[in-house]
Amino acid sequence: MGRRSRHRATHDPPRDPSKGSLPVRRDRMARVAVADEVWADFRAAAGYRPVSEVLGELVEHEVARYRSRRLRDGQLEPREVVEALERARDQQDDLAAIVGRLEALREESG
C-alpha cells in the first residue's frame, strides 16, 4: 500500500446514507505471502466460497478483536464507543432471537 493510500485509510470511512451508519463496502487488493502447502489448505478450507469473501471475513474478525482490545484498554474515541454500543445492541437482538427459537424448540419437543 502506498503512502497516500495508508494516509487515506486512517480517515473516517465514507458512509452509505441508504444503510444508516454502515460504512460503504469497497473492494480491496492484497497479496498473501504463504507457503504453497498453506495456500492449498486454505483453498480447501474455503471450499466453494470465493477467496475474497473468506479473506474479508478474516479481516473483519481481526478488526473486531482489535476494537475489542482497544475498548477494554479505554483507547476508543467517543464515536467508536457509540459504534461499539450499536454493535452490542445488534448482538443483543440476535441473542434474543436465538433464545426465543431455542425456547420454542424446547416447548415443541417436550
PDB file of N, CA and C in Angstrom:
ATOM      1  N   MET A   1       0.852  -1.167   0.000  1.00  0.00           N
ATOM      2  CA  MET A   1       0.000   0.000   0.000  1.00  0.00           C
ATOM      3  C   MET A   1       0.894   1.225   0.000  1.00  0.00           C
ATOM      4  N   GLY A   2       0.614   2.152  -0.886  1.00  0.00           N
ATOM      5  CA  GLY A   2       1.411   3.368  -0.948  1.00  0.00           C
ATOM      6  C   GLY A   2       1.120   4.297   0.207  1.00  0.00           C
ATOM      7  N   ARG A   3       1.982   5.278   0.342  1.00  0.00           N
ATOM      8  CA  ARG A   3       1.845   6.219   1.445  1.00  0.00           C
ATOM      9  C   ARG A   3       0.503   6.946   1.410  1.00  0.00           C
ATOM     10  N   ARG A   4       0.084   7.368   0.212  1.00  0.00           N
ATOM     11  CA  ARG A   4      -1.197   8.079   0.103  1.00  0.00           C
ATOM     12  C   ARG A   4      -2.365   7.186   0.510  1.00  0.00           C
ATOM     13  N   SER A   5      -2.330   5.925   0.080  1.00  0.00           N
ATOM     14  CA  SER A   5      -3.409   5.000   0.439  1.00  0.00           C
ATOM     15  C   SER A   5      -3.463   4.780   1.933  1.00  0.00           C
ATOM     16  N   ARG A   6      -2.301   4.619   2.567  1.00  0.00           N
ATOM     17  CA  ARG A   6      -2.281   4.428   4.022  1.00  0.00           C
ATOM     18  C   ARG A   6      -2.847   5.655   4.711  1.00  0.00           C
ATOM     19  N   HIS A   7      -2.476   6.840   4.218  1.00  0.00           N
ATOM     20  CA  HIS A   7      -2.961   8.068   4.831  1.00  0.00           C
ATOM     21  C   HIS A   7      -4.481   8.164   4.705  1.00  0.00           C
ATOM     22  N   ARG A   8      -4.997   7.866   3.518  1.00  0.00           N
ATOM     23  CA  ARG A   8      -6.434   7.910   3.312  1.00  0.00           C
ATOM     24  C   ARG A   8      -7.156   6.899   4.194  1.00  0.00           C
ATOM     25  N   ALA A   9      -6.541   5.752   4.431  1.00  0.00           N
ATOM     26  CA  ALA A   9      -7.172   4.693   5.214  1.00  0.00           C
ATOM     27  C   ALA A   9      -7.336   5.079   6.682  1.00  0.00           C
ATOM     28  N   THR A  10      -6.603   6.079   7.160  1.00  0.00           N
ATOM     29  CA  THR A  10      -6.703   6.453   8.565  1.00  0.00           C
ATOM     30  C   THR A  10      -7.867   7.393   8.839  1.00  0.00           C
ATOM     31  N   HIS A  11      -8.464   7.961   7.802  1.00  0.00           N
ATOM     32  CA  HIS A  11      -9.599   8.865   7.988  1.00  0.00           C
ATOM     33  C   HIS A  11     -10.887   8.073   8.111  1.00  0.00           C
ATOM     34  N   ASP A  12     -11.941   8.736   8.569  1.00  0.00           N
ATOM     35  CA  ASP A  12     -13.229   8.076   8.704  1.00  0.00           C
ATOM     36  C   ASP A  12     -13.677   7.543   7.348  1.00  0.00           C
ATOM     37  N   PRO A  13     -14.210   6.314   7.317  1.00  0.00           N
ATOM     38  CA  PRO A  13     -14.679   5.766   6.048  1.00  0.00           C
ATOM     39  C   PRO A  13     -15.949   6.466   5.600  1.00  0.00           C
ATOM     40  N   PRO A  14     -16.174   6.568   4.290  1.00  0.00           N
ATOM     41  CA  PRO A  14     -17.426   7.172   3.818  1.00  0.00           C
ATOM     42  C   PRO A  14     -18.606   6.310   4.254  1.00  0.00           C
ATOM     43  N   ARG A  15     -19.720   6.938   4.520  1.00  0.00           N
ATOM     44  CA  ARG A  15     -20.920   6.232   4.969  1.00  0.00           C
ATOM     45  C   ARG A  15     -21.944   6.192   3.847  1.00  0.00           C
ATOM     46  N   ASP A  16     -22.703   5.108   3.794  1.00  0.00           N
ATOM     47  CA  ASP A  16     -23.765   4.951   2.811  1.00  0.00           C
ATOM     48  C   ASP A  16     -25.061   5.432   3.454  1.00  0.00           C
ATOM     49  N   PRO A  17     -25.604   6.582   3.015  1.00  0.00           N
ATOM     50  CA  PRO A  17     -26.807   7.117   3.655  1.00  0.00           C
ATOM     51  C   PRO A  17     -27.996   6.171   3.573  1.00  0.00           C
ATOM     52  N   SER A  18     -28.066   5.315   2.557  1.00  0.00           N
ATOM     53  CA  SER A  18     -29.201   4.405   2.421  1.00  0.00           C
ATOM     54  C   SER A  18     -29.134   3.258   3.423  1.00  0.00           C
ATOM     55  N   LYS A  19     -27.984   3.067   4.063  1.00  0.00           N
ATOM     56  CA  LYS A  19     -27.819   1.965   5.011  1.00  0.00           C
ATOM     57  C   LYS A  19     -27.525   2.453   6.418  1.00  0.00           C
ATOM     58  N   GLY A  20     -27.962   3.639   6.736  1.00  0.00           N
ATOM     59  CA  GLY A  20     -27.759   4.154   8.085  1.00  0.00           C
ATOM     60  C   GLY A  20     -26.308   4.481   8.348  1.00  0.00           C
ATOM     61  N   SER A  21     -25.768   3.917   9.420  1.00  0.00           N
ATOM     62  CA  SER A  21     -24.409   4.269   9.815  1.00  0.00           C
ATOM     63  C   SER A  21     -23.364   3.287   9.278  1.00  0.00           C
ATOM     64  N   LEU A  22     -23.792   2.327   8.428  1.00  0.00           N
ATOM     65  CA  LEU A  22     -22.840   1.350   7.901  1.00  0.00           C
ATOM     66  C   LEU A  22     -21.889   2.007   6.909  1.00  0.00           C
ATOM     67  N   PRO A  23     -20.599   1.711   7.015  1.00  0.00           N
ATOM     68  CA  PRO A  23     -19.658   2.259   6.041  1.00  0.00           C
ATOM     69  C   PRO A  23     -19.854   1.606   4.679  1.00  0.00           C
ATOM     70  N   VAL A  24     -19.467   2.305   3.645  1.00  0.00           N
ATOM     71  CA  VAL A  24     -19.546   1.787   2.291  1.00  0.00           C
ATOM     72  C   VAL A  24     -18.522   0.659   2.149  1.00  0.00           C
ATOM     73  N   ARG A  25     -18.948  -0.474   1.600  1.00  0.00           N
ATOM     74  CA  ARG A  25     -18.031  -1.598   1.372  1.00  0.00           C
ATOM     75  C   ARG A  25     -17.346  -1.378   0.029  1.00  0.00           C
ATOM     76  N   ARG A  26     -16.040  -1.580   0.002  1.00  0.00           N
ATOM     77  CA  ARG A  26     -15.266  -1.429  -1.220  1.00  0.00           C
ATOM     78  C   ARG A  26     -14.370  -2.639  -1.397  1.00  0.00           C
ATOM     79  N   ASP A  27     -14.061  -2.932  -2.642  1.00  0.00           N
ATOM     80  CA  ASP A  27     -13.099  -3.999  -2.913  1.00  0.00           C
ATOM     81  C   ASP A  27     -11.706  -3.502  -2.583  1.00  0.00           C
ATOM     82  N   ARG A  28     -10.897  -4.392  -2.022  1.00  0.00           N
ATOM     83  CA  ARG A  28      -9.501  -4.100  -1.700  1.00  0.00           C
ATOM     84  C   ARG A  28      -8.647  -5.178  -2.344  1.00  0.00           C
ATOM     85  N   MET A  29      -7.401  -4.866  -2.587  1.00  0.00           N
ATOM     86  CA  MET A  29      -6.477  -5.861  -3.119  1.00  0.00           C
ATOM     87  C   MET A  29      -5.338  -6.052  -2.133  1.00  0.00           C
ATOM     88  N   ALA A  30      -4.893  -7.292  -2.026  1.00  0.00           N
ATOM     89  CA  ALA A  30      -3.758  -7.597  -1.163  1.00  0.00           C
ATOM     90  C   ALA A  30      -3.061  -8.826  -1.716  1.00  0.00           C
ATOM     91  N   ARG A  31      -1.780  -8.888  -1.490  1.00  0.00           N
ATOM     92  CA  ARG A  31      -1.031 -10.096  -1.828  1.00  0.00           C
ATOM     93  C   ARG A  31      -0.857 -10.880  -0.534  1.00  0.00           C
ATOM     94  N   VAL A  32      -0.891 -12.175  -0.653  1.00  0.00           N
ATOM     95  CA  VAL A  32      -0.753 -13.039   0.508  1.00  0.00           C
ATOM     96  C   VAL A  32       0.514 -13.859   0.334  1.00  0.00           C
ATOM     97  N   ALA A  33       1.423 -13.727   1.276  1.00  0.00           N
ATOM     98  CA  ALA A  33       2.698 -14.452   1.209  1.00  0.00           C
ATOM     99  C   ALA A  33       2.662 -15.635   2.170  1.00  0.00           C
ATOM    100  N   VAL A  34       2.370 -16.816   1.627  1.00  0.00           N
ATOM    101  CA  VAL A  34       2.352 -18.045   2.417  1.00  0.00           C
ATOM    102  C   VAL A  34       2.939 -19.165   1.567  1.00  0.00           C
ATOM    103  N   ALA A  35       3.321 -20.229   2.226  1.00  0.00           N
ATOM    104  CA  ALA A  35       3.841 -21.397   1.516  1.00  0.00           C
ATOM    105  C   ALA A  35       2.732 -22.017   0.658  1.00  0.00           C
ATOM    106  N   ASP A  36       3.117 -22.683  -0.414  1.00  0.00           N
ATOM    107  CA  ASP A  36       2.151 -23.302  -1.317  1.00  0.00           C
ATOM    108  C   ASP A  36       1.232 -24.285  -0.579  1.00  0.00           C
ATOM    109  N   GLU A  37       1.796 -25.044   0.348  1.00  0.00           N
ATOM    110  CA  GLU A  37       1.000 -26.027   1.084  1.00  0.00           C
ATOM    111  C   GLU A  37      -0.064 -25.330   1.946  1.00  0.00           C
ATOM    112  N   VAL A  38       0.336 -24.209   2.554  1.00  0.00           N
ATOM    113  CA  VAL A  38      -0.607 -23.444   3.385  1.00  0.00           C
ATOM    114  C   VAL A  38      -1.729 -22.902   2.516  1.00  0.00           C
ATOM    115  N   TRP A  39      -1.367 -22.376   1.349  1.00  0.00           N
ATOM    116  CA  TRP A  39      -2.381 -21.814   0.450  1.00  0.00           C
ATOM    117  C   TRP A  39      -3.333 -22.916  -0.025  1.00  0.00           C
ATOM    118  N   ALA A  40      -2.792 -24.081  -0.344  1.00  0.00           N
ATOM    119  CA  ALA A  40      -3.639 -25.187  -0.797  1.00  0.00           C
ATOM    120  C   ALA A  40      -4.629 -25.591   0.295  1.00  0.00           C
ATOM    121  N   ASP A  41      -4.171 -25.653   1.539  1.00  0.00           N
ATOM    122  CA  ASP A  41      -5.073 -25.983   2.649  1.00  0.00           C
ATOM    123  C   ASP A  41      -6.111 -24.880   2.864  1.00  0.00           C
ATOM    124  N   PHE A  42      -5.690 -23.631   2.726  1.00  0.00           N
ATOM    125  CA  PHE A  42      -6.626 -22.511   2.858  1.00  0.00           C
ATOM    126  C   PHE A  42      -7.722 -22.612   1.805  1.00  0.00           C
ATOM    127  N   ARG A  43      -7.327 -22.892   0.564  1.00  0.00           N
ATOM    128  CA  ARG A  43      -8.310 -23.019  -0.517  1.00  0.00           C
ATOM    129  C   ARG A  43      -9.261 -24.182  -0.237  1.00  0.00           C
ATOM    130  N   ALA A  44      -8.720 -25.274   0.280  1.00  0.00           N
ATOM    131  CA  ALA A  44      -9.575 -26.422   0.616  1.00  0.00           C
ATOM    132  C   ALA A  44     -10.547 -26.048   1.739  1.00  0.00           C
ATOM    133  N   ALA A  45     -10.062 -25.307   2.731  1.00  0.00           N
ATOM    134  CA  ALA A  45     -10.913 -24.891   3.847  1.00  0.00           C
ATOM    135  C   ALA A  45     -11.997 -23.917   3.381  1.00  0.00           C
ATOM    136  N   ALA A  46     -11.672 -23.079   2.394  1.00  0.00           N
ATOM    137  CA  ALA A  46     -12.636 -22.099   1.884  1.00  0.00           C
ATOM    138  C   ALA A  46     -13.758 -22.788   1.118  1.00  0.00           C
ATOM    139  N   GLY A  47     -13.458 -23.952   0.564  1.00  0.00           N
ATOM    140  CA  GLY A  47     -14.486 -24.688  -0.179  1.00  0.00           C
ATOM    141  C   GLY A  47     -14.946 -23.928  -1.406  1.00  0.00           C
ATOM    142  N   TYR A  48     -16.243 -23.837  -1.562  1.00  0.00           N
ATOM    143  CA  TYR A  48     -16.841 -23.203  -2.735  1.00  0.00           C
ATOM    144  C   TYR A  48     -16.832 -21.671  -2.673  1.00  0.00           C
ATOM    145  N   ARG A  49     -16.545 -21.126  -1.497  1.00  0.00           N
ATOM    146  CA  ARG A  49     -16.623 -19.664  -1.335  1.00  0.00           C
ATOM    147  C   ARG A  49     -15.448 -18.974  -2.010  1.00  0.00           C
ATOM    148  N   PRO A  50     -15.670 -17.795  -2.571  1.00  0.00           N
ATOM    149  CA  PRO A  50     -14.567 -17.049  -3.174  1.00  0.00           C
ATOM    150  C   PRO A  50     -13.539 -16.642  -2.117  1.00  0.00           C
ATOM    151  N   VAL A  51     -12.283 -16.621  -2.515  1.00  0.00           N
ATOM    152  CA  VAL A  51     -11.206 -16.236  -1.600  1.00  0.00           C
ATOM    153  C   VAL A  51     -11.459 -14.837  -1.060  1.00  0.00           C
ATOM    154  N   SER A  52     -11.955 -13.933  -1.899  1.00  0.00           N
ATOM    155  CA  SER A  52     -12.196 -12.556  -1.449  1.00  0.00           C
ATOM    156  C   SER A  52     -13.193 -12.521  -0.295  1.00  0.00           C
ATOM    157  N   GLU A  53     -14.193 -13.389  -0.338  1.00  0.00           N
ATOM    158  CA  GLU A  53     -15.186 -13.436   0.737  1.00  0.00           C
ATOM    159  C   GLU A  53     -14.554 -13.956   2.030  1.00  0.00           C
ATOM    160  N   VAL A  54     -13.769 -15.010   1.928  1.00  0.00           N
ATOM    161  CA  VAL A  54     -13.135 -15.606   3.110  1.00  0.00           C
ATOM    162  C   VAL A  54     -12.133 -14.626   3.719  1.00  0.00           C
ATOM    163  N   LEU A  55     -11.320 -13.990   2.875  1.00  0.00           N
ATOM    164  CA  LEU A  55     -10.349 -13.016   3.389  1.00  0.00           C
ATOM    165  C   LEU A  55     -11.064 -11.822   4.014  1.00  0.00           C
ATOM    166  N   GLY A  56     -12.184 -11.400   3.420  1.00  0.00           N
ATOM    167  CA  GLY A  56     -12.962 -10.314   4.006  1.00  0.00           C
ATOM    168  C   GLY A  56     -13.444 -10.660   5.402  1.00  0.00           C
ATOM    169  N   GLU A  57     -13.899 -11.910   5.587  1.00  0.00           N
ATOM    170  CA  GLU A  57     -14.331 -12.348   6.913  1.00  0.00           C
ATOM    171  C   GLU A  57     -13.172 -12.362   7.895  1.00  0.00           C
ATOM    172  N   LEU A  58     -11.994 -12.814   7.426  1.00  0.00           N
ATOM    173  CA  LEU A  58     -10.820 -12.819   8.301  1.00  0.00           C
ATOM    174  C   LEU A  58     -10.447 -11.399   8.722  1.00  0.00           C
ATOM    175  N   VAL A  59     -10.505 -10.466   7.779  1.00  0.00           N
ATOM    176  CA  VAL A  59     -10.189  -9.066   8.085  1.00  0.00           C
ATOM    177  C   VAL A  59     -11.185  -8.525   9.106  1.00  0.00           C
ATOM    178  N   GLU A  60     -12.476  -8.770   8.880  1.00  0.00           N
ATOM    179  CA  GLU A  60     -13.491  -8.272   9.808  1.00  0.00           C
ATOM    180  C   GLU A  60     -13.309  -8.876  11.203  1.00  0.00           C
ATOM    181  N   HIS A  61     -12.962 -10.155  11.265  1.00  0.00           N
ATOM    182  CA  HIS A  61     -12.736 -10.813  12.552  1.00  0.00           C
ATOM    183  C   HIS A  61     -11.549 -10.180  13.288  1.00  0.00           C
ATOM    184  N   GLU A  62     -10.461  -9.951  12.573  1.00  0.00           N
ATOM    185  CA  GLU A  62      -9.278  -9.349  13.195  1.00  0.00           C
ATOM    186  C   GLU A  62      -9.559  -7.927  13.658  1.00  0.00           C
ATOM    187  N   VAL A  63     -10.315  -7.172  12.878  1.00  0.00           N
ATOM    188  CA  VAL A  63     -10.661  -5.798  13.266  1.00  0.00           C
ATOM    189  C   VAL A  63     -11.555  -5.812  14.500  1.00  0.00           C
ATOM    190  N   ALA A  64     -12.483  -6.761  14.573  1.00  0.00           N
ATOM    191  CA  ALA A  64     -13.348  -6.861  15.761  1.00  0.00           C
ATOM    192  C   ALA A  64     -12.514  -7.143  17.011  1.00  0.00           C
ATOM    193  N   ARG A  65     -11.533  -8.047  16.893  1.00  0.00           N
ATOM    194  CA  ARG A  65     -10.649  -8.335  18.029  1.00  0.00           C
ATOM    195  C   ARG A  65      -9.837  -7.100  18.412  1.00  0.00           C
ATOM    196  N   TYR A  66      -9.336  -6.385  17.423  1.00  0.00           N
ATOM    197  CA  TYR A  66      -8.548  -5.168  17.658  1.00  0.00           C
ATOM    198  C   TYR A  66      -9.405  -4.115  18.369  1.00  0.00           C
ATOM    199  N   ARG A  67     -10.633  -3.919  17.884  1.00  0.00           N
ATOM    200  CA  ARG A  67     -11.517  -2.925  18.501  1.00  0.00           C
ATOM    201  C   ARG A  67     -11.900  -3.326  19.920  1.00  0.00           C
ATOM    202  N   SER A  68     -12.137  -4.622  20.135  1.00  0.00           N
ATOM    203  CA  SER A  68     -12.470  -5.093  21.485  1.00  0.00           C
ATOM    204  C   SER A  68     -11.325  -4.828  22.446  1.00  0.00           C
ATOM    205  N   ARG A  69     -10.117  -5.106  21.993  1.00  0.00           N
ATOM    206  CA  ARG A  69      -8.935  -4.865  22.836  1.00  0.00           C
ATOM    207  C   ARG A  69      -8.810  -3.379  23.149  1.00  0.00           C
ATOM    208  N   ARG A  70      -9.003  -2.528  22.143  1.00  0.00           N
ATOM    209  CA  ARG A  70      -8.921  -1.083  22.373  1.00  0.00           C
ATOM    210  C   ARG A  70     -10.030  -0.610  23.307  1.00  0.00           C
ATOM    211  N   LEU A  71     -11.222  -1.188  23.180  1.00  0.00           N
ATOM    212  CA  LEU A  71     -12.333  -0.825  24.058  1.00  0.00           C
ATOM    213  C   LEU A  71     -12.000  -1.174  25.503  1.00  0.00           C
ATOM    214  N   ARG A  72     -11.510  -2.402  25.728  1.00  0.00           N
ATOM    215  CA  ARG A  72     -11.154  -2.829  27.088  1.00  0.00           C
ATOM    216  C   ARG A  72     -10.034  -1.978  27.677  1.00  0.00           C
ATOM    217  N   ASP A  73      -9.124  -1.510  26.807  1.00  0.00           N
ATOM    218  CA  ASP A  73      -8.000  -0.690  27.261  1.00  0.00           C
ATOM    219  C   ASP A  73      -8.354   0.792  27.363  1.00  0.00           C
ATOM    220  N   GLY A  74      -9.612   1.146  27.048  1.00  0.00           N
ATOM    221  CA  GLY A  74     -10.049   2.539  27.142  1.00  0.00           C
ATOM    222  C   GLY A  74      -9.427   3.448  26.091  1.00  0.00           C
ATOM    223  N   GLN A  75      -9.150   2.907  24.911  1.00  0.00           N
ATOM    224  CA  GLN A  75      -8.463   3.676  23.876  1.00  0.00           C
ATOM    225  C   GLN A  75      -9.363   4.114  22.725  1.00  0.00           C
ATOM    226  N   LEU A  76     -10.668   3.889  22.819  1.00  0.00           N
ATOM    227  CA  LEU A  76     -11.564   4.254  21.719  1.00  0.00           C
ATOM    228  C   LEU A  76     -11.956   5.722  21.787  1.00  0.00           C
ATOM    229  N   GLU A  77     -12.145   6.289  20.610  1.00  0.00           N
ATOM    230  CA  GLU A  77     -12.678   7.646  20.503  1.00  0.00           C
ATOM    231  C   GLU A  77     -14.178   7.580  20.807  1.00  0.00           C
ATOM    232  N   PRO A  78     -14.796   8.702  21.198  1.00  0.00           N
ATOM    233  CA  PRO A  78     -16.234   8.679  21.510  1.00  0.00           C
ATOM    234  C   PRO A  78     -17.088   8.088  20.386  1.00  0.00           C
ATOM    235  N   ARG A  79     -16.781   8.409  19.137  1.00  0.00           N
ATOM    236  CA  ARG A  79     -17.544   7.874  18.007  1.00  0.00           C
ATOM    237  C   ARG A  79     -17.435   6.354  17.968  1.00  0.00           C
ATOM    238  N   GLU A  80     -16.254   5.832  18.255  1.00  0.00           N
ATOM    239  CA  GLU A  80     -16.043   4.388  18.238  1.00  0.00           C
ATOM    240  C   GLU A  80     -16.793   3.702  19.375  1.00  0.00           C
ATOM    241  N   VAL A  81     -16.918   4.382  20.509  1.00  0.00           N
ATOM    242  CA  VAL A  81     -17.670   3.820  21.632  1.00  0.00           C
ATOM    243  C   VAL A  81     -19.147   3.717  21.258  1.00  0.00           C
ATOM    244  N   VAL A  82     -19.670   4.749  20.602  1.00  0.00           N
ATOM    245  CA  VAL A  82     -21.072   4.726  20.155  1.00  0.00           C
ATOM    246  C   VAL A  82     -21.281   3.596  19.152  1.00  0.00           C
ATOM    247  N   GLU A  83     -20.351   3.421  18.210  1.00  0.00           N
ATOM    248  CA  GLU A  83     -20.449   2.336  17.238  1.00  0.00           C
ATOM    249  C   GLU A  83     -20.396   0.977  17.931  1.00  0.00           C
ATOM    250  N   ALA A  84     -19.561   0.847  18.960  1.00  0.00           N
ATOM    251  CA  ALA A  84     -19.481  -0.405  19.714  1.00  0.00           C
ATOM    252  C   ALA A  84     -20.813  -0.685  20.404  1.00  0.00           C
ATOM    253  N   LEU A  85     -21.442   0.356  20.927  1.00  0.00           N
ATOM    254  CA  LEU A  85     -22.743   0.196  21.562  1.00  0.00           C
ATOM    255  C   LEU A  85     -23.787  -0.265  20.551  1.00  0.00           C
ATOM    256  N   GLU A  86     -23.753   0.300  19.338  1.00  0.00           N
ATOM    257  CA  GLU A  86     -24.688  -0.118  18.289  1.00  0.00           C
ATOM    258  C   GLU A  86     -24.477  -1.591  17.925  1.00  0.00           C
ATOM    259  N   ARG A  87     -23.227  -2.020  17.810  1.00  0.00           N
ATOM    260  CA  ARG A  87     -22.940  -3.421  17.511  1.00  0.00           C
ATOM    261  C   ARG A  87     -23.417  -4.316  18.646  1.00  0.00           C
ATOM    262  N   ALA A  88     -23.240  -3.864  19.889  1.00  0.00           N
ATOM    263  CA  ALA A  88     -23.689  -4.645  21.040  1.00  0.00           C
ATOM    264  C   ALA A  88     -25.209  -4.792  21.032  1.00  0.00           C
ATOM    265  N   ARG A  89     -25.910  -3.735  20.655  1.00  0.00           N
ATOM    266  CA  ARG A  89     -27.380  -3.818  20.576  1.00  0.00           C
ATOM    267  C   ARG A  89     -27.807  -4.823  19.511  1.00  0.00           C
ATOM    268  N   ASP A  90     -27.124  -4.808  18.372  1.00  0.00           N
ATOM    269  CA  ASP A  90     -27.428  -5.777  17.307  1.00  0.00           C
ATOM    270  C   ASP A  90     -27.195  -7.198  17.804  1.00  0.00           C
ATOM    271  N   GLN A  91     -26.089  -7.410  18.515  1.00  0.00           N
ATOM    272  CA  GLN A  91     -25.797  -8.739  19.047  1.00  0.00           C
ATOM    273  C   GLN A  91     -26.832  -9.150  20.085  1.00  0.00           C
ATOM    274  N   GLN A  92     -27.282  -8.199  20.887  1.00  0.00           N
ATOM    275  CA  GLN A  92     -28.303  -8.489  21.885  1.00  0.00           C
ATOM    276  C   GLN A  92     -29.598  -8.924  21.201  1.00  0.00           C
ATOM    277  N   ASP A  93     -29.960  -8.249  20.110  1.00  0.00           N
ATOM    278  CA  ASP A  93     -31.153  -8.630  19.357  1.00  0.00           C
ATOM    279  C   ASP A  93     -31.012 -10.036  18.784  1.00  0.00           C
ATOM    280  N   ASP A  94     -29.827 -10.337  18.247  1.00  0.00           N
ATOM    281  CA  ASP A  94     -29.578 -11.674  17.703  1.00  0.00           C
ATOM    282  C   ASP A  94     -29.684 -12.734  18.792  1.00  0.00           C
ATOM    283  N   LEU A  95     -29.096 -12.459  19.944  1.00  0.00           N
ATOM    284  CA  LEU A  95     -29.158 -13.418  21.054  1.00  0.00           C
ATOM    285  C   LEU A  95     -30.598 -13.625  21.531  1.00  0.00           C
ATOM    286  N   ALA A  96     -31.377 -12.559  21.570  1.00  0.00           N
ATOM    287  CA  ALA A  96     -32.777 -12.690  21.981  1.00  0.00           C
ATOM    288  C   ALA A  96     -33.540 -13.560  20.987  1.00  0.00           C
ATOM    289  N   ALA A  97     -33.256 -13.417  19.708  1.00  0.00           N
ATOM    290  CA  ALA A  97     -33.907 -14.248  18.697  1.00  0.00           C
ATOM    291  C   ALA A  97     -33.497 -15.711  18.852  1.00  0.00           C
ATOM    292  N   ILE A  98     -32.224 -15.952  19.131  1.00  0.00           N
ATOM    293  CA  ILE A  98     -31.743 -17.324  19.338  1.00  0.00           C
ATOM    294  C   ILE A  98     -32.411 -17.946  20.557  1.00  0.00           C
ATOM    295  N   VAL A  99     -32.475 -17.202  21.650  1.00  0.00           N
ATOM    296  CA  VAL A  99     -33.108 -17.708  22.868  1.00  0.00           C
ATOM    297  C   VAL A  99     -34.578 -18.008  22.606  1.00  0.00           C
ATOM    298  N   GLY A 100     -35.254 -17.118  21.910  1.00  0.00           N
ATOM    299  CA  GLY A 100     -36.667 -17.351  21.585  1.00  0.00           C
ATOM    300  C   GLY A 100     -36.860 -18.609  20.760  1.00  0.00           C
ATOM    301  N   ARG A 101     -35.990 -18.817  19.782  1.00  0.00           N
ATOM    302  CA  ARG A 101     -36.088 -20.018  18.946  1.00  0.00           C
ATOM    303  C   ARG A 101     -35.804 -21.279  19.760  1.00  0.00           C
ATOM    304  N   LEU A 102     -34.780 -21.236  20.621  1.00  0.00           N
ATOM    305  CA  LEU A 102     -34.462 -22.391  21.460  1.00  0.00           C
ATOM    306  C   LEU A 102     -35.603 -22.717  22.419  1.00  0.00           C
ATOM    307  N   GLU A 103     -36.224 -21.691  22.990  1.00  0.00           N
ATOM    308  CA  GLU A 103     -37.350 -21.932  23.887  1.00  0.00           C
ATOM    309  C   GLU A 103     -38.519 -22.547  23.132  1.00  0.00           C
ATOM    310  N   ALA A 104     -38.753 -22.090  21.903  1.00  0.00           N
ATOM    311  CA  ALA A 104     -39.833 -22.665  21.091  1.00  0.00           C
ATOM    312  C   ALA A 104     -39.535 -24.117  20.748  1.00  0.00           C
ATOM    313  N   LEU A 105     -38.292 -24.425  20.424  1.00  0.00           N
ATOM    314  CA  LEU A 105     -37.910 -25.810  20.129  1.00  0.00           C
ATOM    315  C   LEU A 105     -38.077 -26.692  21.357  1.00  0.00           C
ATOM    316  N   ARG A 106     -37.732 -26.172  22.527  1.00  0.00           N
ATOM    317  CA  ARG A 106     -37.878 -26.940  23.759  1.00  0.00           C
ATOM    318  C   ARG A 106     -39.349 -27.242  24.047  1.00  0.00           C
ATOM    319  N   GLU A 107     -40.203 -26.251  23.818  1.00  0.00           N
ATOM    320  CA  GLU A 107     -41.641 -26.444  24.063  1.00  0.00           C
ATOM    321  C   GLU A 107     -42.228 -27.460  23.083  1.00  0.00           C
ATOM    322  N   GLU A 108     -41.734 -27.424  21.815  1.00  0.00           N
ATOM    323  CA  GLU A 108     -42.218 -28.367  20.802  1.00  0.00           C
ATOM    324  C   GLU A 108     -41.825 -29.801  21.132  1.00  0.00           C
ATOM    325  N   SER A 109     -40.634 -29.964  21.709  1.00  0.00           N
ATOM    326  CA  SER A 109     -40.120 -31.314  21.946  1.00  0.00           C
ATOM    327  C   SER A 109     -40.574 -31.886  23.294  1.00  0.00           C
ATOM    328  N   GLY A 110     -41.135 -31.102  24.089  1.00  0.00           N
ATOM    329  CA  GLY A 110     -41.465 -31.768  25.307  1.00  0.00           C
ATOM    330  C   GLY A 110     -42.176 -31.114  26.348  1.00  0.00           C
TER     331      GLY A 110
END
